[in-house]
Each structure stands twice: as structure tokens, then as C-alpha cells.
N, C-alpha and C. Protein backbone atom coordinates (compact mmCIF):
# COMPACT_ATOMS: atom_id res chain seq x y z
N MET A 1 94.51 105.92 93.48
CA MET A 1 95.51 106.35 92.52
C MET A 1 96.94 105.90 92.93
N VAL A 2 97.64 105.20 92.08
CA VAL A 2 99.01 104.85 92.48
C VAL A 2 99.92 105.48 91.37
N LEU A 3 100.93 106.41 91.71
CA LEU A 3 102.05 106.82 90.97
C LEU A 3 103.18 105.93 90.62
N ARG A 4 103.34 105.32 89.58
CA ARG A 4 104.34 104.39 89.22
C ARG A 4 105.40 104.72 88.26
N GLU A 5 105.83 105.94 88.05
CA GLU A 5 106.79 106.27 86.98
C GLU A 5 108.35 105.74 87.41
N ARG A 6 108.48 105.65 88.64
CA ARG A 6 109.77 105.16 89.09
C ARG A 6 109.57 104.85 90.60
N ARG A 7 110.70 104.28 91.18
CA ARG A 7 110.76 104.04 92.62
C ARG A 7 110.95 105.45 93.43
N TYR A 8 110.11 105.70 94.21
CA TYR A 8 110.00 107.06 94.92
C TYR A 8 110.80 107.16 96.20
N THR A 9 111.10 108.23 96.70
CA THR A 9 111.65 108.47 98.02
C THR A 9 110.78 109.33 99.02
N LEU A 10 111.10 109.36 100.00
CA LEU A 10 110.41 110.33 100.97
C LEU A 10 110.54 111.83 100.48
N ALA A 11 111.77 112.07 100.13
CA ALA A 11 111.90 113.27 99.42
C ALA A 11 110.88 113.56 98.35
N ASP A 12 110.90 112.56 97.36
CA ASP A 12 109.93 112.77 96.27
C ASP A 12 108.47 112.74 96.94
N LEU A 13 108.18 111.96 97.92
CA LEU A 13 106.74 112.09 98.45
C LEU A 13 106.43 113.45 99.05
N ARG A 14 107.57 114.18 99.59
CA ARG A 14 107.16 115.56 100.11
C ARG A 14 106.94 116.55 98.86
N GLU A 15 107.79 116.37 97.93
CA GLU A 15 107.67 117.19 96.69
C GLU A 15 106.29 116.87 96.19
N ILE A 16 105.86 115.86 95.93
CA ILE A 16 104.23 115.49 95.45
C ILE A 16 103.39 116.06 96.29
N GLU A 17 103.47 116.05 97.59
CA GLU A 17 102.48 116.73 98.72
C GLU A 17 102.33 118.19 98.53
N GLN A 18 103.43 119.02 98.08
CA GLN A 18 103.48 120.21 98.13
C GLN A 18 102.91 120.89 96.85
N ARG A 19 102.65 119.98 95.80
CA ARG A 19 102.35 120.54 94.50
C ARG A 19 100.82 121.18 94.67
N PRO A 20 100.61 122.21 94.15
CA PRO A 20 99.40 122.81 94.39
C PRO A 20 97.97 122.04 94.29
N GLU A 21 98.12 121.08 93.09
CA GLU A 21 97.12 120.32 92.78
C GLU A 21 96.80 119.25 94.04
N ASN A 22 97.74 118.99 94.88
CA ASN A 22 97.65 118.01 95.99
C ASN A 22 97.40 118.73 97.32
N VAL A 23 97.11 119.61 97.46
CA VAL A 23 97.07 120.52 98.59
C VAL A 23 96.01 119.78 99.67
N ASP A 24 94.98 119.38 99.15
CA ASP A 24 94.04 118.63 99.80
C ASP A 24 93.87 117.29 99.82
N LYS A 25 95.06 116.75 99.51
CA LYS A 25 95.20 114.96 99.32
C LYS A 25 95.99 114.71 100.20
N THR A 26 96.01 113.30 100.58
CA THR A 26 96.74 112.52 101.46
C THR A 26 97.56 111.38 100.44
N PHE A 27 98.65 111.00 100.95
CA PHE A 27 99.60 110.14 100.32
C PHE A 27 100.25 109.12 101.36
N GLU A 28 100.49 108.05 100.59
CA GLU A 28 101.45 107.19 101.65
C GLU A 28 102.31 106.58 100.52
N LEU A 29 103.60 106.01 101.03
CA LEU A 29 104.65 105.69 100.27
C LEU A 29 104.78 104.17 100.55
N ILE A 30 104.63 103.42 99.74
CA ILE A 30 104.74 101.98 99.88
C ILE A 30 105.54 101.12 99.18
N ASN A 31 106.82 100.72 99.51
CA ASN A 31 107.75 100.05 98.51
C ASN A 31 108.04 100.83 97.13
N GLY A 32 108.29 102.20 97.49
CA GLY A 32 108.59 102.81 96.29
C GLY A 32 107.63 103.42 95.61
N GLU A 33 106.46 103.12 95.91
CA GLU A 33 105.22 103.50 95.17
C GLU A 33 104.56 104.62 95.88
N VAL A 34 104.05 105.54 95.35
CA VAL A 34 103.22 106.72 96.05
C VAL A 34 101.58 106.34 95.88
N HIS A 35 100.93 106.14 96.89
CA HIS A 35 99.45 105.72 96.76
C HIS A 35 98.69 106.93 97.38
N GLU A 36 97.65 107.53 96.59
CA GLU A 36 96.82 108.50 97.34
C GLU A 36 95.86 107.83 98.06
N VAL A 37 95.56 108.28 99.26
CA VAL A 37 94.73 107.78 100.22
C VAL A 37 93.53 108.37 100.08
N THR A 38 92.25 107.61 99.79
CA THR A 38 90.93 107.96 99.27
C THR A 38 90.19 108.34 100.67
N ALA A 39 89.06 109.03 100.50
CA ALA A 39 88.32 109.21 101.75
C ALA A 39 87.61 107.98 102.00
N PRO A 40 87.67 107.68 103.25
CA PRO A 40 86.89 106.35 103.84
C PRO A 40 85.36 106.64 103.78
N GLU A 41 84.77 105.31 103.41
CA GLU A 41 83.25 105.37 103.71
C GLU A 41 82.64 105.18 105.02
N VAL A 42 81.49 105.41 105.21
CA VAL A 42 80.90 105.51 106.53
C VAL A 42 80.96 104.11 107.52
N ILE A 43 80.91 103.10 106.77
CA ILE A 43 81.42 101.84 107.53
C ILE A 43 82.84 101.79 107.94
N HIS A 44 83.66 102.01 107.36
CA HIS A 44 85.10 102.33 107.45
C HIS A 44 85.17 103.00 108.76
N ASN A 45 84.67 104.32 108.83
CA ASN A 45 84.81 105.32 109.94
C ASN A 45 84.22 104.60 111.19
N TYR A 46 83.14 103.75 110.99
CA TYR A 46 82.37 103.27 112.20
C TYR A 46 83.27 102.18 112.80
N ILE A 47 83.94 101.33 111.91
CA ILE A 47 84.65 100.45 112.48
C ILE A 47 86.01 101.01 113.16
N ILE A 48 86.68 102.04 112.67
CA ILE A 48 87.87 102.71 113.51
C ILE A 48 87.32 103.35 114.62
N SER A 49 86.07 104.09 114.71
CA SER A 49 85.44 104.76 115.90
C SER A 49 85.45 103.74 117.06
N MET A 50 84.88 102.63 116.70
CA MET A 50 84.72 101.67 117.61
C MET A 50 85.99 100.93 118.24
N LEU A 51 86.78 100.81 117.36
CA LEU A 51 88.23 100.41 118.04
C LEU A 51 88.85 101.35 118.79
N VAL A 52 88.75 102.64 118.36
CA VAL A 52 89.59 103.54 119.12
C VAL A 52 88.76 103.85 120.37
N ARG A 53 87.48 103.75 120.44
CA ARG A 53 86.84 103.85 121.74
C ARG A 53 86.88 102.82 122.61
N LYS A 54 87.04 101.40 122.15
CA LYS A 54 87.22 100.48 123.09
C LYS A 54 88.72 100.34 123.59
N VAL A 55 89.64 100.57 122.71
CA VAL A 55 91.01 100.59 123.19
C VAL A 55 91.22 101.68 124.11
N GLY A 56 90.43 102.87 123.79
CA GLY A 56 90.53 103.95 124.62
C GLY A 56 90.02 103.79 126.05
N ARG A 57 88.99 102.97 126.11
CA ARG A 57 88.37 102.59 127.49
C ARG A 57 89.44 101.84 128.35
N TYR A 58 90.13 100.84 127.51
CA TYR A 58 91.13 100.03 128.12
C TYR A 58 92.09 100.96 128.67
N LEU A 59 92.63 101.90 127.86
CA LEU A 59 93.78 102.86 128.39
C LEU A 59 93.29 103.63 129.40
N ASP A 60 92.10 104.00 129.54
CA ASP A 60 91.61 104.70 130.74
C ASP A 60 92.05 104.15 132.17
N ASP A 61 92.07 102.89 132.04
CA ASP A 61 92.39 101.94 133.23
C ASP A 61 93.94 101.58 133.20
N ASN A 62 94.50 101.53 132.03
CA ASN A 62 95.76 101.18 131.93
C ASN A 62 96.58 102.13 131.24
N ASP A 63 97.17 103.09 131.77
CA ASP A 63 97.87 104.16 131.09
C ASP A 63 99.34 103.94 130.40
N ILE A 64 99.28 102.94 129.56
CA ILE A 64 100.38 102.42 129.00
C ILE A 64 100.81 103.17 127.57
N GLY A 65 99.86 103.82 127.06
CA GLY A 65 100.23 104.42 125.66
C GLY A 65 99.00 105.43 125.20
N LEU A 66 99.27 105.69 123.77
CA LEU A 66 98.07 106.44 123.16
C LEU A 66 97.49 105.58 122.06
N ILE A 67 96.06 105.68 121.84
CA ILE A 67 95.80 105.30 120.69
C ILE A 67 95.30 106.38 119.76
N PHE A 68 95.61 106.12 118.51
CA PHE A 68 95.20 107.36 117.36
C PHE A 68 94.25 106.71 116.32
N GLY A 69 93.46 107.52 115.78
CA GLY A 69 92.47 107.01 114.68
C GLY A 69 93.49 107.57 113.58
N ASP A 70 92.75 107.62 112.26
CA ASP A 70 93.44 107.76 110.95
C ASP A 70 94.09 109.25 110.86
N ASN A 71 94.78 109.34 109.86
CA ASN A 71 95.70 110.57 109.65
C ASN A 71 96.93 110.89 110.50
N ILE A 72 97.38 109.98 111.24
CA ILE A 72 98.68 109.98 112.00
C ILE A 72 99.53 109.10 111.08
N SER A 73 100.60 109.79 110.58
CA SER A 73 101.73 109.54 109.60
C SER A 73 103.02 108.67 110.24
N TYR A 74 103.24 107.64 109.71
CA TYR A 74 104.57 106.97 110.43
C TYR A 74 105.53 106.87 109.39
N THR A 75 106.64 107.62 109.45
CA THR A 75 107.88 107.33 108.60
C THR A 75 108.68 106.09 108.91
N LEU A 76 108.63 105.02 108.53
CA LEU A 76 109.23 103.87 108.84
C LEU A 76 110.82 103.77 108.35
N PRO A 77 111.52 102.96 109.34
CA PRO A 77 113.04 102.72 109.00
C PRO A 77 113.21 102.22 107.69
N ASN A 78 112.26 101.43 106.93
CA ASN A 78 112.41 100.89 105.83
C ASN A 78 112.14 101.79 104.48
N GLY A 79 111.94 103.10 104.88
CA GLY A 79 111.52 104.17 103.76
C GLY A 79 110.05 104.39 103.49
N ASP A 80 109.43 103.48 104.03
CA ASP A 80 107.86 103.66 103.70
C ASP A 80 107.31 104.74 104.63
N GLU A 81 106.25 105.40 104.23
CA GLU A 81 105.35 106.29 105.12
C GLU A 81 104.05 105.59 104.77
N LEU A 82 103.47 105.42 106.01
CA LEU A 82 102.23 104.95 106.06
C LEU A 82 101.23 105.55 107.21
N ILE A 83 99.87 105.55 106.63
CA ILE A 83 98.81 106.31 107.61
C ILE A 83 97.86 105.29 108.01
N PRO A 84 98.00 104.48 109.16
CA PRO A 84 97.15 103.48 109.35
C PRO A 84 95.77 104.15 109.76
N ASP A 85 94.71 103.12 109.63
CA ASP A 85 93.46 103.75 110.11
C ASP A 85 93.24 103.88 111.63
N ALA A 86 94.02 103.13 112.43
CA ALA A 86 94.08 103.13 113.70
C ALA A 86 95.61 102.72 114.20
N SER A 87 96.19 103.15 115.20
CA SER A 87 97.45 102.81 115.72
C SER A 87 97.55 103.08 117.25
N PHE A 88 98.53 102.20 117.69
CA PHE A 88 98.75 102.34 119.12
C PHE A 88 100.33 102.62 119.41
N VAL A 89 100.61 103.42 120.25
CA VAL A 89 101.83 103.96 120.49
C VAL A 89 102.25 103.84 122.01
N ALA A 90 103.25 103.08 122.54
CA ALA A 90 103.46 102.94 124.09
C ALA A 90 104.05 104.14 124.49
N HIS A 91 103.82 104.58 125.55
CA HIS A 91 104.50 105.76 126.26
C HIS A 91 105.99 105.78 125.99
N SER A 92 106.50 104.56 126.12
CA SER A 92 107.89 104.49 126.05
C SER A 92 108.69 105.16 124.80
N HIS A 93 107.49 105.12 123.79
CA HIS A 93 108.11 105.47 122.54
C HIS A 93 107.87 107.01 122.20
N ILE A 94 107.10 107.54 122.94
CA ILE A 94 106.52 108.83 122.49
C ILE A 94 107.49 109.93 123.29
N THR A 95 107.74 111.00 122.33
CA THR A 95 108.35 112.32 122.90
C THR A 95 107.25 113.50 122.90
N TYR A 96 107.40 114.39 123.77
CA TYR A 96 106.51 115.43 123.78
C TYR A 96 107.28 116.84 123.57
N PRO A 97 106.82 117.74 122.89
CA PRO A 97 105.43 117.81 122.44
C PRO A 97 105.27 116.74 121.19
N LEU A 98 104.22 116.27 121.16
CA LEU A 98 104.06 115.34 119.84
C LEU A 98 104.58 115.90 118.49
N PRO A 99 105.10 115.09 117.79
CA PRO A 99 105.66 115.68 116.44
C PRO A 99 104.61 115.59 115.33
N LYS A 100 104.96 116.07 114.22
CA LYS A 100 103.92 116.12 113.15
C LYS A 100 103.60 114.67 112.63
N ARG A 101 104.81 114.03 112.68
CA ARG A 101 104.79 112.56 112.23
C ARG A 101 105.69 111.65 113.09
N PHE A 102 105.45 110.40 113.31
CA PHE A 102 106.31 109.55 113.96
C PHE A 102 107.41 109.06 113.00
N HIS A 103 108.49 108.96 113.39
CA HIS A 103 109.66 108.28 112.51
C HIS A 103 110.02 106.90 113.28
N PHE A 104 109.06 106.07 113.24
CA PHE A 104 108.99 104.58 113.71
C PHE A 104 107.96 104.02 113.52
N ALA A 105 107.67 102.68 113.81
CA ALA A 105 106.26 101.83 113.47
C ALA A 105 105.55 101.83 114.79
N PRO A 106 104.30 102.00 114.83
CA PRO A 106 103.33 101.96 115.75
C PRO A 106 103.49 100.46 116.64
N ASP A 107 103.43 100.37 117.57
CA ASP A 107 103.36 99.10 118.38
C ASP A 107 102.28 98.43 117.76
N PHE A 108 101.24 98.64 117.38
CA PHE A 108 100.33 97.87 116.52
C PHE A 108 99.50 98.76 115.86
N ALA A 109 99.26 98.46 114.51
CA ALA A 109 98.40 99.23 113.61
C ALA A 109 97.18 98.40 113.13
N VAL A 110 96.24 99.13 112.73
CA VAL A 110 94.90 98.46 112.05
C VAL A 110 94.75 99.15 110.70
N GLU A 111 94.34 98.26 109.57
CA GLU A 111 93.90 98.93 108.56
C GLU A 111 92.54 98.16 108.23
N VAL A 112 91.56 99.07 107.68
CA VAL A 112 90.41 98.78 107.23
C VAL A 112 90.39 98.65 105.73
N SER A 113 89.95 97.70 105.16
CA SER A 113 89.74 97.30 103.78
C SER A 113 88.79 98.32 103.17
N SER A 114 89.11 98.99 102.06
CA SER A 114 88.07 99.81 101.35
C SER A 114 88.18 99.20 100.02
N PRO A 115 87.04 99.61 99.16
CA PRO A 115 87.06 99.52 97.58
C PRO A 115 88.40 99.81 97.20
N SER A 116 89.13 100.82 97.50
CA SER A 116 90.23 101.30 96.76
C SER A 116 91.50 100.36 97.13
N ASN A 117 91.51 99.51 98.17
CA ASN A 117 92.43 98.51 98.39
C ASN A 117 92.44 97.22 97.89
N SER A 118 93.64 96.78 97.50
CA SER A 118 93.64 95.25 97.15
C SER A 118 94.07 94.64 98.45
N GLU A 119 93.82 93.29 98.56
CA GLU A 119 94.06 92.48 99.56
C GLU A 119 95.81 92.41 99.69
N ARG A 120 96.35 92.31 98.44
CA ARG A 120 97.99 92.34 98.63
C ARG A 120 98.58 93.77 99.04
N GLU A 121 97.79 94.77 98.77
CA GLU A 121 98.31 96.13 99.28
C GLU A 121 98.37 96.03 100.76
N LEU A 122 97.03 95.62 101.38
CA LEU A 122 96.74 95.62 102.79
C LEU A 122 97.99 94.62 103.35
N LEU A 123 98.22 93.41 102.71
CA LEU A 123 99.23 92.53 103.35
C LEU A 123 100.61 93.16 103.42
N GLU A 124 100.78 93.98 102.21
CA GLU A 124 102.33 94.73 101.90
C GLU A 124 102.35 95.49 103.18
N LYS A 125 101.42 96.50 103.38
CA LYS A 125 101.46 97.35 104.62
C LYS A 125 101.64 96.68 105.77
N ALA A 126 100.86 95.64 106.13
CA ALA A 126 101.17 94.73 107.35
C ALA A 126 102.59 94.50 107.55
N GLU A 127 103.18 93.79 106.29
CA GLU A 127 104.61 93.39 106.45
C GLU A 127 105.45 94.56 106.64
N SER A 128 105.31 95.61 106.14
CA SER A 128 106.11 96.88 106.27
C SER A 128 105.96 97.48 107.74
N TYR A 129 104.94 97.37 108.31
CA TYR A 129 104.76 97.76 109.89
C TYR A 129 105.46 96.62 110.61
N LEU A 130 105.39 95.55 110.37
CA LEU A 130 105.90 94.25 111.07
C LEU A 130 107.38 94.34 111.13
N GLN A 131 107.93 94.51 109.71
CA GLN A 131 109.45 94.59 109.50
C GLN A 131 110.10 95.70 110.25
N SER A 132 109.37 96.87 110.44
CA SER A 132 109.76 97.80 111.04
C SER A 132 109.49 97.97 112.60
N GLY A 133 109.17 96.96 113.18
CA GLY A 133 109.04 97.01 114.57
C GLY A 133 107.55 96.79 115.35
N SER A 134 106.58 96.82 114.59
CA SER A 134 104.96 96.70 115.05
C SER A 134 105.02 95.13 115.57
N GLN A 135 104.34 94.89 116.70
CA GLN A 135 104.03 93.74 117.25
C GLN A 135 103.04 92.92 116.46
N PHE A 136 101.94 93.59 115.82
CA PHE A 136 100.76 92.86 115.16
C PHE A 136 100.28 94.02 114.53
N VAL A 137 99.44 93.60 113.47
CA VAL A 137 98.62 94.35 112.61
C VAL A 137 97.26 93.61 112.31
N TRP A 138 96.28 94.22 112.75
CA TRP A 138 94.76 93.80 112.37
C TRP A 138 94.44 94.48 111.17
N ILE A 139 93.72 93.52 110.16
CA ILE A 139 93.21 93.94 108.89
C ILE A 139 91.75 93.70 109.31
N ALA A 140 90.76 94.63 109.04
CA ALA A 140 89.35 94.49 109.02
C ALA A 140 88.62 94.54 107.46
N TYR A 141 87.95 93.60 107.43
CA TYR A 141 87.28 93.21 106.11
C TYR A 141 85.86 93.49 106.31
N PRO A 142 85.43 94.79 106.11
CA PRO A 142 84.00 94.91 106.55
C PRO A 142 82.82 94.16 105.72
N ILE A 143 83.24 93.94 104.46
CA ILE A 143 82.13 93.07 103.67
C ILE A 143 81.97 91.84 104.08
N ILE A 144 83.04 91.04 104.50
CA ILE A 144 82.93 89.77 105.04
C ILE A 144 82.95 89.66 106.60
N ARG A 145 83.03 90.58 107.25
CA ARG A 145 82.98 90.69 108.65
C ARG A 145 83.96 89.94 109.49
N VAL A 146 85.29 89.90 108.94
CA VAL A 146 86.27 89.37 109.50
C VAL A 146 87.57 90.33 109.91
N PHE A 147 88.58 89.64 110.72
CA PHE A 147 89.68 90.42 110.55
C PHE A 147 90.82 89.41 110.44
N ASP A 148 91.86 89.88 109.78
CA ASP A 148 93.16 89.25 109.86
C ASP A 148 94.07 89.68 110.75
N VAL A 149 94.58 88.73 111.56
CA VAL A 149 95.81 89.23 112.55
C VAL A 149 96.97 88.75 112.00
N CYS A 150 98.04 89.63 111.65
CA CYS A 150 99.29 89.52 111.15
C CYS A 150 100.42 89.44 112.01
N HIS A 151 101.43 88.69 111.98
CA HIS A 151 102.56 88.72 112.68
C HIS A 151 103.49 88.15 111.67
N LEU A 152 105.07 88.48 112.19
CA LEU A 152 106.01 88.03 111.46
C LEU A 152 106.57 86.68 112.11
N ILE A 153 107.18 85.59 111.64
CA ILE A 153 107.79 84.69 112.31
C ILE A 153 109.17 84.83 112.20
N GLU A 154 109.99 83.99 112.92
CA GLU A 154 111.31 83.94 113.00
C GLU A 154 112.03 84.45 111.57
N ASP A 155 111.66 83.56 110.53
CA ASP A 155 112.26 83.57 109.37
C ASP A 155 111.89 84.77 108.55
N GLY A 156 111.09 85.78 109.12
CA GLY A 156 110.68 86.91 108.45
C GLY A 156 109.46 86.77 107.64
N SER A 157 108.81 85.39 107.55
CA SER A 157 107.78 85.26 106.71
C SER A 157 106.38 85.81 107.57
N LEU A 158 105.47 86.43 106.75
CA LEU A 158 104.26 86.98 107.47
C LEU A 158 103.08 85.76 107.56
N ILE A 159 102.76 85.65 108.62
CA ILE A 159 101.73 84.71 109.04
C ILE A 159 100.34 85.32 109.36
N VAL A 160 99.24 84.94 108.82
CA VAL A 160 97.97 85.55 108.81
C VAL A 160 96.76 84.57 109.57
N ARG A 161 96.29 85.12 110.56
CA ARG A 161 95.41 84.30 111.12
C ARG A 161 94.00 84.93 111.14
N LYS A 162 92.80 84.39 110.60
CA LYS A 162 91.61 85.02 110.25
C LYS A 162 90.68 84.87 111.75
N VAL A 163 90.22 85.83 111.95
CA VAL A 163 89.27 86.00 113.24
C VAL A 163 87.95 86.17 112.61
N GLU A 164 87.07 85.35 112.81
CA GLU A 164 85.58 85.54 112.26
C GLU A 164 84.74 86.27 113.31
N ILE A 165 83.57 86.66 112.82
CA ILE A 165 82.56 87.60 113.55
C ILE A 165 82.49 87.14 114.80
N ASP A 166 82.36 85.83 115.26
CA ASP A 166 82.34 85.37 116.61
C ASP A 166 83.50 85.16 117.46
N GLY A 167 84.60 85.73 116.78
CA GLY A 167 85.91 85.43 117.58
C GLY A 167 86.28 86.61 118.29
N ILE A 168 87.48 86.75 118.95
CA ILE A 168 87.90 87.70 119.83
C ILE A 168 89.32 88.16 119.37
N LEU A 169 89.43 89.45 119.43
CA LEU A 169 90.94 90.03 119.15
C LEU A 169 91.42 90.20 120.55
N ASP A 170 92.84 89.94 120.45
CA ASP A 170 93.62 89.82 121.77
C ASP A 170 94.63 91.17 121.48
N GLY A 171 94.83 91.63 122.72
CA GLY A 171 95.72 92.72 122.71
C GLY A 171 97.37 92.36 122.96
N GLU A 172 97.25 91.17 123.18
CA GLU A 172 98.87 90.30 123.14
C GLU A 172 99.61 91.15 124.24
N ASP A 173 100.90 91.02 124.15
CA ASP A 173 101.86 91.69 124.90
C ASP A 173 101.55 93.27 124.99
N VAL A 174 101.18 93.90 123.84
CA VAL A 174 101.13 95.32 123.80
C VAL A 174 99.89 95.96 124.55
N LEU A 175 98.96 95.08 124.55
CA LEU A 175 97.68 95.59 125.46
C LEU A 175 97.29 94.36 126.30
N PRO A 176 98.21 94.24 127.40
CA PRO A 176 97.91 93.03 128.43
C PRO A 176 96.61 93.04 128.84
N GLY A 177 95.84 91.89 128.70
CA GLY A 177 94.45 91.56 129.10
C GLY A 177 93.37 92.09 128.38
N PHE A 178 93.63 92.98 127.33
CA PHE A 178 92.62 93.65 126.52
C PHE A 178 92.07 92.54 125.56
N LYS A 179 90.77 92.24 125.56
CA LYS A 179 90.13 91.39 124.56
C LYS A 179 88.94 92.09 123.98
N LEU A 180 88.59 92.01 122.55
CA LEU A 180 87.62 92.52 121.85
C LEU A 180 86.89 91.73 121.04
N ALA A 181 85.64 91.51 121.19
CA ALA A 181 84.75 90.56 120.35
C ALA A 181 84.81 91.48 118.90
N VAL A 182 84.85 90.46 118.00
CA VAL A 182 84.94 91.26 116.68
C VAL A 182 83.40 91.68 116.27
N LYS A 183 82.32 91.05 116.72
CA LYS A 183 80.93 91.28 116.64
C LYS A 183 80.91 92.72 117.17
N ASP A 184 81.89 93.22 118.16
CA ASP A 184 81.62 94.45 118.78
C ASP A 184 82.17 95.85 117.92
N VAL A 185 82.64 95.31 116.70
CA VAL A 185 83.52 96.42 116.10
C VAL A 185 82.66 96.66 114.89
N PHE A 186 81.84 95.61 114.42
CA PHE A 186 81.34 95.80 113.03
C PHE A 186 79.72 96.29 113.35
N PRO A 187 79.27 97.19 112.46
CA PRO A 187 77.89 97.83 112.80
C PRO A 187 76.96 96.69 112.54
N PRO A 188 75.72 96.77 113.34
CA PRO A 188 74.54 95.87 113.36
C PRO A 188 74.23 95.55 111.80
N THR A 189 73.75 94.30 111.40
CA THR A 189 73.30 94.12 110.10
C THR A 189 71.93 94.36 110.09
N GLN A 190 71.27 94.72 111.16
CA GLN A 190 69.74 94.91 111.00
C GLN A 190 69.48 96.40 111.41
């Protein structure tokens, strides 16, 4: 569900969240539009669980930050508020006690495509994270079993590289030395 009566602000989002009919709902604010976040499917949760588990193992040996599953909210400098399916934040960006929501972009974010997402919506989220400071964004497409790896180039354009089922995801400078086979993230097909 997308609310499009006008361009919404964070204050509007907070008011919408407080309405009695929305008490058990979750929303994101993307480019002035309020989007209801729907409950994920089993495959969606499987992919996120695998990513969080694999990155978590890396972080056990390389204590450089925290990995989060979904339901962590980021209020971005551009006014968007997003809830990535998974995200990583370096220790240098974290204050304790942990806040209710972060007011910056994660070092990297992961989005998993669901039936309720359009590809354009996912790319808009990636652009928002990257414009606000994320180093890269991974977008998983469960049906076709591929990832898009998104970056911004110097002129501010989004560049997307597809990593197929036999490919490797790289932690780049954010998770130095971290490698993850795409096939290890998706559930078995048999």
C-alpha cells in the first residue's frame, strides 16, 4: 500500500504511525511517499537469516561493527526513512545505548525483492541509501536467484552489477576480506 495524497514528511509519517488503525503496521518514507511494509514470505526470511548468519560469523572474527536483520529503521539525511531487510553499521557510527532508530545510512544495506516491491522501488531505495552515505547495497531477487550490487559513481549515477547464482558477493572496504557465494544464500531448489 502506498499513500500518495501529497509529499509527506517525517512528521507526517510519525502521525500516520500513531493512528489506531496503524498500531501493528510498519511504514517507510521514500521520496515523500509513505509505503506500508508487508509481512515477508518464508523465502524472504530464509535469505535474510542466511546473510545475517554469514556476516555474523565474519564479525565474530573481525569485530568491526554490527549486523542487523529487518525492523531496524534508518532516518536518512535526505528525509527518507527506510527499513532494510539487513544492514551493517561500523562501530565508529554507533552510540550506546542503541537508539530506537538510526539517523544516518547503514554502511551497507540489503533489500530482498518481494511480490509487493517493484524493481524501480528497490532501485530508489538503493539510491537513497547510497546518496545518504551507504557504501553499497545488495538487492536479492529470490525468484531468479540473483543479486544486484549497487553503487553510486562520481557523477551521482547509480551503477548496478548483477551477480548470478554461481557468483560471489564481496564485502569490499566495508567488510574487508568477506566473500559470500550467492548459492549459499538462497534455499536449495530440491
